[in-house]
């Protein structure tokens, strides 16, 4: 349902900003790249938990730098012809892309948890088979 609502709002926003579609598309593109880069940097797995805050700060700075560079490029290339449409598009799509990345992370973590459970069950089965074969070998006359 949430996905349908996101697509509906995106489509309505695109239709309503028909005269300023380039600003709408620039808002989407810059938001997607900046949030994706920030997400990729901030949620890296590391052996050192002390680096978590540093990675979050680096992700935030990368998002800010990409946003500034994207807006400067958009204004220089005259792609952004309506700052209002661009800002609304950027705000909406930064929220949507963030939601999408967190849903992706949740899905990946559930898959990883299922793998751990399956691997644990397989190890237990192998250990039980080894124990039963060891007990059988002790009873055999060899």
N, C-alpha and C. Protein backbone atom coordinates (compact mmCIF):
# COMPACT_ATOMS: atom_id res chain seq x y z
N UNK A 1 0.81 -1.18 0.00
CA UNK A 1 0.00 0.00 0.00
C UNK A 1 0.87 1.26 0.00
N UNK A 2 1.95 1.20 0.81
CA UNK A 2 2.84 2.36 0.87
C UNK A 2 3.50 2.61 -0.48
N UNK A 3 3.87 1.53 -1.14
CA UNK A 3 4.51 1.65 -2.45
C UNK A 3 3.56 2.26 -3.47
N UNK A 4 2.30 1.86 -3.43
CA UNK A 4 1.31 2.43 -4.35
C UNK A 4 1.09 3.91 -4.06
N UNK A 5 1.08 4.28 -2.79
CA UNK A 5 0.93 5.68 -2.42
C UNK A 5 2.13 6.51 -2.90
N UNK A 6 3.32 5.95 -2.78
CA UNK A 6 4.52 6.65 -3.25
C UNK A 6 4.46 6.86 -4.76
N UNK A 7 4.10 5.81 -5.49
CA UNK A 7 3.99 5.95 -6.96
C UNK A 7 2.90 6.94 -7.35
N UNK A 8 1.79 6.92 -6.63
CA UNK A 8 0.70 7.84 -6.92
C UNK A 8 1.13 9.29 -6.69
N UNK A 9 1.75 9.56 -5.55
CA UNK A 9 2.22 10.91 -5.25
C UNK A 9 3.30 11.36 -6.22
N UNK A 10 4.19 10.45 -6.60
CA UNK A 10 5.23 10.79 -7.57
C UNK A 10 4.62 11.14 -8.93
N UNK A 11 3.65 10.36 -9.35
CA UNK A 11 3.00 10.62 -10.63
C UNK A 11 2.23 11.93 -10.61
N UNK A 12 1.51 12.17 -9.54
CA UNK A 12 0.77 13.44 -9.42
C UNK A 12 1.74 14.62 -9.41
N UNK A 13 2.83 14.48 -8.67
CA UNK A 13 3.84 15.55 -8.66
C UNK A 13 4.43 15.80 -10.03
N UNK A 14 4.71 14.74 -10.77
CA UNK A 14 5.25 14.88 -12.12
C UNK A 14 4.28 15.55 -13.07
N UNK A 15 2.99 15.20 -12.95
CA UNK A 15 1.97 15.80 -13.83
C UNK A 15 1.76 17.27 -13.47
N UNK A 16 1.70 17.55 -12.18
CA UNK A 16 1.47 18.94 -11.76
C UNK A 16 2.65 19.85 -12.08
N UNK A 17 3.82 19.28 -12.16
CA UNK A 17 4.99 20.11 -12.49
C UNK A 17 5.36 19.94 -13.96
N UNK A 18 4.37 19.75 -14.80
CA UNK A 18 4.59 19.50 -16.23
C UNK A 18 5.39 20.59 -16.92
N UNK A 19 5.13 21.85 -16.56
CA UNK A 19 5.88 22.94 -17.19
C UNK A 19 7.31 23.01 -16.68
N UNK A 20 7.53 22.47 -15.48
CA UNK A 20 8.86 22.53 -14.87
C UNK A 20 9.38 21.12 -14.61
N UNK A 21 9.16 20.25 -15.59
CA UNK A 21 9.54 18.84 -15.40
C UNK A 21 11.04 18.68 -15.20
N UNK A 22 11.86 19.53 -15.83
CA UNK A 22 13.30 19.42 -15.65
C UNK A 22 13.70 19.68 -14.20
N UNK A 23 13.04 20.63 -13.56
CA UNK A 23 13.31 20.89 -12.14
C UNK A 23 12.87 19.70 -11.29
N UNK A 24 11.73 19.11 -11.64
CA UNK A 24 11.22 17.93 -10.93
C UNK A 24 12.20 16.76 -11.07
N UNK A 25 12.67 16.52 -12.28
CA UNK A 25 13.60 15.41 -12.52
C UNK A 25 14.96 15.67 -11.86
N UNK A 26 15.40 16.93 -11.87
CA UNK A 26 16.67 17.26 -11.21
C UNK A 26 16.56 17.04 -9.71
N UNK A 27 15.43 17.39 -9.11
CA UNK A 27 15.21 17.13 -7.69
C UNK A 27 15.26 15.65 -7.38
N UNK A 28 14.63 14.86 -8.24
CA UNK A 28 14.65 13.41 -8.05
C UNK A 28 16.07 12.86 -8.18
N UNK A 29 16.77 13.25 -9.22
CA UNK A 29 18.10 12.71 -9.47
C UNK A 29 19.10 13.09 -8.39
N UNK A 30 19.10 14.34 -8.01
CA UNK A 30 20.05 14.78 -6.99
C UNK A 30 19.72 14.15 -5.64
N UNK A 31 18.45 14.04 -5.30
CA UNK A 31 18.06 13.39 -4.04
C UNK A 31 18.46 11.92 -4.04
N UNK A 32 18.22 11.23 -5.14
CA UNK A 32 18.55 9.80 -5.20
C UNK A 32 20.05 9.56 -5.07
N UNK A 33 20.84 10.35 -5.77
CA UNK A 33 22.30 10.16 -5.71
C UNK A 33 22.84 10.55 -4.34
N UNK A 34 22.38 11.67 -3.80
CA UNK A 34 22.93 12.11 -2.51
C UNK A 34 22.53 11.18 -1.37
N UNK A 35 21.28 10.75 -1.34
CA UNK A 35 20.85 9.85 -0.27
C UNK A 35 21.50 8.48 -0.45
N UNK A 36 21.62 8.01 -1.68
CA UNK A 36 22.27 6.72 -1.91
C UNK A 36 23.73 6.73 -1.48
N UNK A 37 24.43 7.79 -1.77
CA UNK A 37 25.84 7.90 -1.36
C UNK A 37 25.94 7.98 0.15
N UNK A 38 25.10 8.79 0.77
CA UNK A 38 25.12 8.90 2.22
C UNK A 38 24.80 7.55 2.88
N UNK A 39 23.83 6.85 2.35
CA UNK A 39 23.47 5.54 2.88
C UNK A 39 24.62 4.56 2.72
N UNK A 40 25.24 4.55 1.55
CA UNK A 40 26.34 3.63 1.28
C UNK A 40 27.52 3.90 2.22
N UNK A 41 27.82 5.16 2.47
CA UNK A 41 28.93 5.50 3.34
C UNK A 41 28.59 5.28 4.82
N UNK A 42 27.40 5.66 5.23
CA UNK A 42 27.05 5.65 6.65
C UNK A 42 26.82 4.25 7.19
N UNK A 43 26.36 3.34 6.37
CA UNK A 43 26.02 2.01 6.87
C UNK A 43 26.98 0.94 6.38
N UNK A 44 28.22 1.32 6.24
CA UNK A 44 29.26 0.35 5.91
C UNK A 44 29.49 -0.54 7.13
N UNK A 45 29.78 -1.79 6.89
CA UNK A 45 30.12 -2.65 8.02
C UNK A 45 31.61 -2.49 8.30
N UNK A 46 31.92 -2.42 9.56
CA UNK A 46 33.30 -2.23 9.97
C UNK A 46 33.59 -3.08 11.19
N UNK A 47 34.84 -3.40 11.36
CA UNK A 47 35.23 -4.18 12.53
C UNK A 47 35.27 -3.32 13.79
N UNK A 48 35.34 -2.04 13.61
CA UNK A 48 35.51 -1.13 14.73
C UNK A 48 34.23 -0.32 14.96
N UNK A 49 33.48 -0.61 16.00
CA UNK A 49 32.24 0.13 16.26
C UNK A 49 32.48 1.61 16.54
N UNK A 50 33.70 1.96 16.92
CA UNK A 50 34.01 3.35 17.20
C UNK A 50 33.93 4.21 15.94
N UNK A 51 33.99 3.59 14.77
CA UNK A 51 33.93 4.34 13.52
C UNK A 51 32.51 4.66 13.07
N UNK A 52 31.52 4.18 13.80
CA UNK A 52 30.13 4.38 13.37
C UNK A 52 29.77 5.86 13.27
N UNK A 53 30.14 6.63 14.29
CA UNK A 53 29.83 8.06 14.25
C UNK A 53 30.59 8.75 13.12
N UNK A 54 31.83 8.37 12.92
CA UNK A 54 32.62 8.95 11.83
C UNK A 54 31.99 8.64 10.47
N UNK A 55 31.54 7.40 10.28
CA UNK A 55 30.90 7.04 9.02
C UNK A 55 29.59 7.79 8.81
N UNK A 56 28.82 8.00 9.88
CA UNK A 56 27.60 8.79 9.77
C UNK A 56 27.91 10.24 9.37
N UNK A 57 28.94 10.81 9.98
CA UNK A 57 29.33 12.18 9.64
C UNK A 57 29.84 12.28 8.21
N UNK A 58 30.63 11.30 7.78
CA UNK A 58 31.13 11.30 6.40
C UNK A 58 29.97 11.16 5.42
N UNK A 59 28.99 10.32 5.75
CA UNK A 59 27.80 10.19 4.91
C UNK A 59 27.02 11.49 4.81
N UNK A 60 26.88 12.16 5.94
CA UNK A 60 26.15 13.43 5.94
C UNK A 60 26.89 14.49 5.11
N UNK A 61 28.20 14.54 5.26
CA UNK A 61 28.99 15.52 4.49
C UNK A 61 28.94 15.20 3.00
N UNK A 62 28.96 13.93 2.65
CA UNK A 62 28.88 13.55 1.23
C UNK A 62 27.52 13.93 0.66
N UNK A 63 26.45 13.73 1.43
CA UNK A 63 25.11 14.11 0.97
C UNK A 63 25.04 15.61 0.75
N UNK A 64 25.60 16.36 1.68
CA UNK A 64 25.60 17.82 1.56
C UNK A 64 26.42 18.27 0.35
N UNK A 65 27.58 17.67 0.15
CA UNK A 65 28.45 18.05 -0.97
C UNK A 65 27.79 17.71 -2.31
N UNK A 66 27.18 16.54 -2.42
CA UNK A 66 26.52 16.15 -3.67
C UNK A 66 25.32 17.05 -3.94
N UNK A 67 24.59 17.40 -2.89
CA UNK A 67 23.44 18.29 -3.08
C UNK A 67 23.89 19.66 -3.56
N UNK A 68 24.92 20.21 -2.94
CA UNK A 68 25.42 21.53 -3.35
C UNK A 68 25.95 21.49 -4.78
N UNK A 69 26.74 20.46 -5.09
CA UNK A 69 27.28 20.35 -6.45
C UNK A 69 26.16 20.15 -7.47
N UNK A 70 25.15 19.35 -7.13
CA UNK A 70 24.03 19.12 -8.04
C UNK A 70 23.20 20.37 -8.28
N UNK A 71 22.97 21.14 -7.24
CA UNK A 71 22.21 22.38 -7.40
C UNK A 71 23.02 23.39 -8.23
N UNK A 72 24.32 23.48 -7.95
CA UNK A 72 25.16 24.41 -8.73
C UNK A 72 25.17 24.00 -10.20
N UNK A 73 25.29 22.70 -10.46
CA UNK A 73 25.28 22.22 -11.84
C UNK A 73 23.92 22.49 -12.49
N UNK A 74 22.85 22.24 -11.76
CA UNK A 74 21.50 22.46 -12.29
C UNK A 74 21.23 23.91 -12.63
N UNK A 75 21.70 24.81 -11.80
CA UNK A 75 21.52 26.24 -12.06
C UNK A 75 22.39 26.70 -13.22
N UNK A 76 23.63 26.20 -13.27
CA UNK A 76 24.55 26.60 -14.34
C UNK A 76 24.05 26.10 -15.70
N UNK A 77 23.56 24.86 -15.73
CA UNK A 77 23.07 24.27 -16.98
C UNK A 77 21.64 24.69 -17.29
N UNK A 78 21.06 25.49 -16.43
CA UNK A 78 19.69 25.98 -16.56
C UNK A 78 18.66 24.85 -16.63
N UNK A 79 18.95 23.80 -15.87
CA UNK A 79 18.00 22.68 -15.76
C UNK A 79 16.94 23.03 -14.73
N UNK A 80 17.36 23.70 -13.67
CA UNK A 80 16.43 24.10 -12.61
C UNK A 80 15.87 25.46 -12.97
N UNK A 81 14.65 25.46 -13.50
CA UNK A 81 14.03 26.72 -13.87
C UNK A 81 12.93 27.12 -12.89
N UNK A 82 12.63 26.26 -11.93
CA UNK A 82 11.66 26.58 -10.88
C UNK A 82 12.20 26.08 -9.55
N UNK A 83 12.78 26.96 -8.75
CA UNK A 83 13.33 26.53 -7.46
C UNK A 83 12.29 25.91 -6.54
N UNK A 84 11.04 26.36 -6.62
CA UNK A 84 9.99 25.81 -5.77
C UNK A 84 9.71 24.35 -6.11
N UNK A 85 9.55 24.05 -7.39
CA UNK A 85 9.30 22.67 -7.82
C UNK A 85 10.51 21.80 -7.49
N UNK A 86 11.71 22.33 -7.71
CA UNK A 86 12.92 21.57 -7.39
C UNK A 86 12.98 21.25 -5.90
N UNK A 87 12.74 22.24 -5.05
CA UNK A 87 12.86 22.01 -3.61
C UNK A 87 11.81 21.02 -3.11
N UNK A 88 10.58 21.12 -3.61
CA UNK A 88 9.56 20.15 -3.21
C UNK A 88 9.89 18.75 -3.71
N UNK A 89 10.38 18.67 -4.93
CA UNK A 89 10.76 17.38 -5.49
C UNK A 89 11.93 16.77 -4.71
N UNK A 90 12.91 17.59 -4.40
CA UNK A 90 14.07 17.12 -3.65
C UNK A 90 13.65 16.63 -2.27
N UNK A 91 12.81 17.38 -1.59
CA UNK A 91 12.34 16.99 -0.26
C UNK A 91 11.56 15.68 -0.33
N UNK A 92 10.61 15.58 -1.23
CA UNK A 92 9.79 14.38 -1.34
C UNK A 92 10.64 13.15 -1.67
N UNK A 93 11.50 13.29 -2.68
CA UNK A 93 12.28 12.12 -3.10
C UNK A 93 13.40 11.77 -2.14
N UNK A 94 13.89 12.72 -1.37
CA UNK A 94 14.89 12.34 -0.36
C UNK A 94 14.22 11.50 0.73
N UNK A 95 12.98 11.82 1.07
CA UNK A 95 12.24 11.01 2.04
C UNK A 95 11.92 9.64 1.46
N UNK A 96 11.47 9.61 0.21
CA UNK A 96 11.10 8.34 -0.44
C UNK A 96 12.31 7.43 -0.62
N UNK A 97 13.42 8.00 -1.07
CA UNK A 97 14.62 7.18 -1.30
C UNK A 97 15.17 6.68 0.04
N UNK A 98 15.12 7.50 1.08
CA UNK A 98 15.55 7.05 2.40
C UNK A 98 14.68 5.90 2.88
N UNK A 99 13.38 6.02 2.70
CA UNK A 99 12.46 4.93 3.06
C UNK A 99 12.79 3.67 2.27
N UNK A 100 13.05 3.83 0.98
CA UNK A 100 13.39 2.68 0.15
C UNK A 100 14.68 2.00 0.58
N UNK A 101 15.69 2.77 0.91
CA UNK A 101 16.96 2.18 1.35
C UNK A 101 16.81 1.46 2.69
N UNK A 102 16.03 2.01 3.59
CA UNK A 102 15.83 1.34 4.87
C UNK A 102 15.00 0.07 4.72
N UNK A 103 14.04 0.07 3.81
CA UNK A 103 13.29 -1.16 3.53
C UNK A 103 14.22 -2.22 2.92
N UNK A 104 15.11 -1.78 2.03
CA UNK A 104 16.08 -2.70 1.44
C UNK A 104 16.99 -3.28 2.51
N UNK A 105 17.45 -2.45 3.43
CA UNK A 105 18.32 -2.92 4.52
C UNK A 105 17.57 -3.91 5.40
N UNK A 106 16.32 -3.62 5.70
CA UNK A 106 15.51 -4.53 6.51
C UNK A 106 15.35 -5.88 5.81
N UNK A 107 15.12 -5.86 4.51
CA UNK A 107 14.99 -7.09 3.74
C UNK A 107 16.30 -7.88 3.75
N UNK A 108 17.42 -7.19 3.55
CA UNK A 108 18.72 -7.85 3.54
C UNK A 108 19.04 -8.47 4.90
N UNK A 109 18.69 -7.77 5.97
CA UNK A 109 18.96 -8.30 7.30
C UNK A 109 18.08 -9.51 7.60
N UNK A 110 16.85 -9.52 7.11
CA UNK A 110 15.99 -10.69 7.34
C UNK A 110 16.50 -11.90 6.56
N UNK A 111 17.01 -11.66 5.36
CA UNK A 111 17.60 -12.76 4.58
C UNK A 111 18.84 -13.30 5.29
N UNK A 112 19.68 -12.40 5.82
CA UNK A 112 20.88 -12.83 6.53
C UNK A 112 20.52 -13.60 7.79
N UNK A 113 19.48 -13.18 8.50
CA UNK A 113 19.05 -13.88 9.71
C UNK A 113 18.55 -15.28 9.36
N UNK A 114 17.83 -15.41 8.24
CA UNK A 114 17.37 -16.73 7.83
C UNK A 114 18.54 -17.63 7.48
N UNK A 115 19.58 -17.05 6.85
CA UNK A 115 20.77 -17.84 6.52
C UNK A 115 21.46 -18.33 7.78
N UNK A 116 21.54 -17.49 8.79
CA UNK A 116 22.18 -17.88 10.05
C UNK A 116 21.41 -19.00 10.71
N UNK A 117 20.08 -18.91 10.71
CA UNK A 117 19.26 -19.96 11.31
C UNK A 117 19.45 -21.26 10.55
N UNK A 118 19.44 -21.21 9.22
CA UNK A 118 19.62 -22.43 8.43
C UNK A 118 21.01 -23.03 8.65
N UNK A 119 22.03 -22.20 8.68
CA UNK A 119 23.39 -22.70 8.92
C UNK A 119 23.51 -23.31 10.30
N UNK A 120 22.89 -22.69 11.30
CA UNK A 120 22.92 -23.22 12.66
C UNK A 120 22.22 -24.57 12.72
N UNK A 121 21.10 -24.69 12.04
CA UNK A 121 20.38 -25.96 12.03
C UNK A 121 21.18 -27.04 11.32
N UNK A 122 21.86 -26.69 10.23
CA UNK A 122 22.68 -27.66 9.51
C UNK A 122 23.85 -28.12 10.37
N UNK A 123 24.46 -27.22 11.12
CA UNK A 123 25.57 -27.58 12.00
C UNK A 123 25.08 -28.53 13.09
N UNK A 124 23.90 -28.24 13.65
CA UNK A 124 23.35 -29.10 14.68
C UNK A 124 23.05 -30.50 14.13
N UNK A 125 22.54 -30.57 12.92
CA UNK A 125 22.25 -31.87 12.31
C UNK A 125 23.54 -32.65 12.09
N UNK A 126 24.57 -31.99 11.60
CA UNK A 126 25.86 -32.65 11.37
C UNK A 126 26.45 -33.12 12.70
N UNK A 127 26.36 -32.29 13.73
CA UNK A 127 26.89 -32.69 15.04
C UNK A 127 26.12 -33.88 15.59
N UNK A 128 24.80 -33.87 15.44
CA UNK A 128 23.99 -35.00 15.91
C UNK A 128 24.33 -36.27 15.14
N UNK A 129 24.55 -36.16 13.85
CA UNK A 129 24.94 -37.34 13.06
C UNK A 129 26.29 -37.86 13.49
N UNK A 130 27.23 -36.96 13.76
CA UNK A 130 28.55 -37.38 14.22
C UNK A 130 28.48 -38.06 15.58
N UNK A 131 27.65 -37.54 16.48
CA UNK A 131 27.50 -38.15 17.80
C UNK A 131 26.90 -39.54 17.68
N UNK A 132 25.87 -39.68 16.85
CA UNK A 132 25.22 -40.98 16.72
C UNK A 132 26.15 -41.98 16.03
N UNK A 133 26.95 -41.54 15.06
CA UNK A 133 27.88 -42.47 14.41
C UNK A 133 29.01 -42.83 15.37
N UNK A 134 29.41 -41.92 16.24
CA UNK A 134 30.45 -42.21 17.22
C UNK A 134 29.94 -43.24 18.22
N UNK A 135 28.68 -43.09 18.64
CA UNK A 135 28.10 -44.05 19.57
C UNK A 135 27.98 -45.42 18.92
N UNK A 136 27.64 -45.46 17.66
CA UNK A 136 27.54 -46.74 16.95
C UNK A 136 28.91 -47.38 16.81
N UNK A 137 29.92 -46.57 16.56
CA UNK A 137 31.26 -47.14 16.39
C UNK A 137 31.79 -47.69 17.70
N UNK A 138 31.38 -47.15 18.81
CA UNK A 138 31.83 -47.69 20.10
C UNK A 138 31.16 -49.03 20.40
N UNK A 139 29.96 -49.22 19.88
CA UNK A 139 29.25 -50.47 20.11
C UNK A 139 29.68 -51.57 19.14
N UNK A 140 30.27 -51.20 18.06
CA UNK A 140 30.63 -52.21 17.06
C UNK A 140 31.84 -53.01 17.55
N UNK A 141 31.97 -54.26 17.09
CA UNK A 141 33.03 -55.15 17.58
C UNK A 141 34.40 -54.83 16.99
N UNK A 142 34.54 -53.83 16.13
CA UNK A 142 35.84 -53.54 15.52
C UNK A 142 36.80 -53.19 16.55
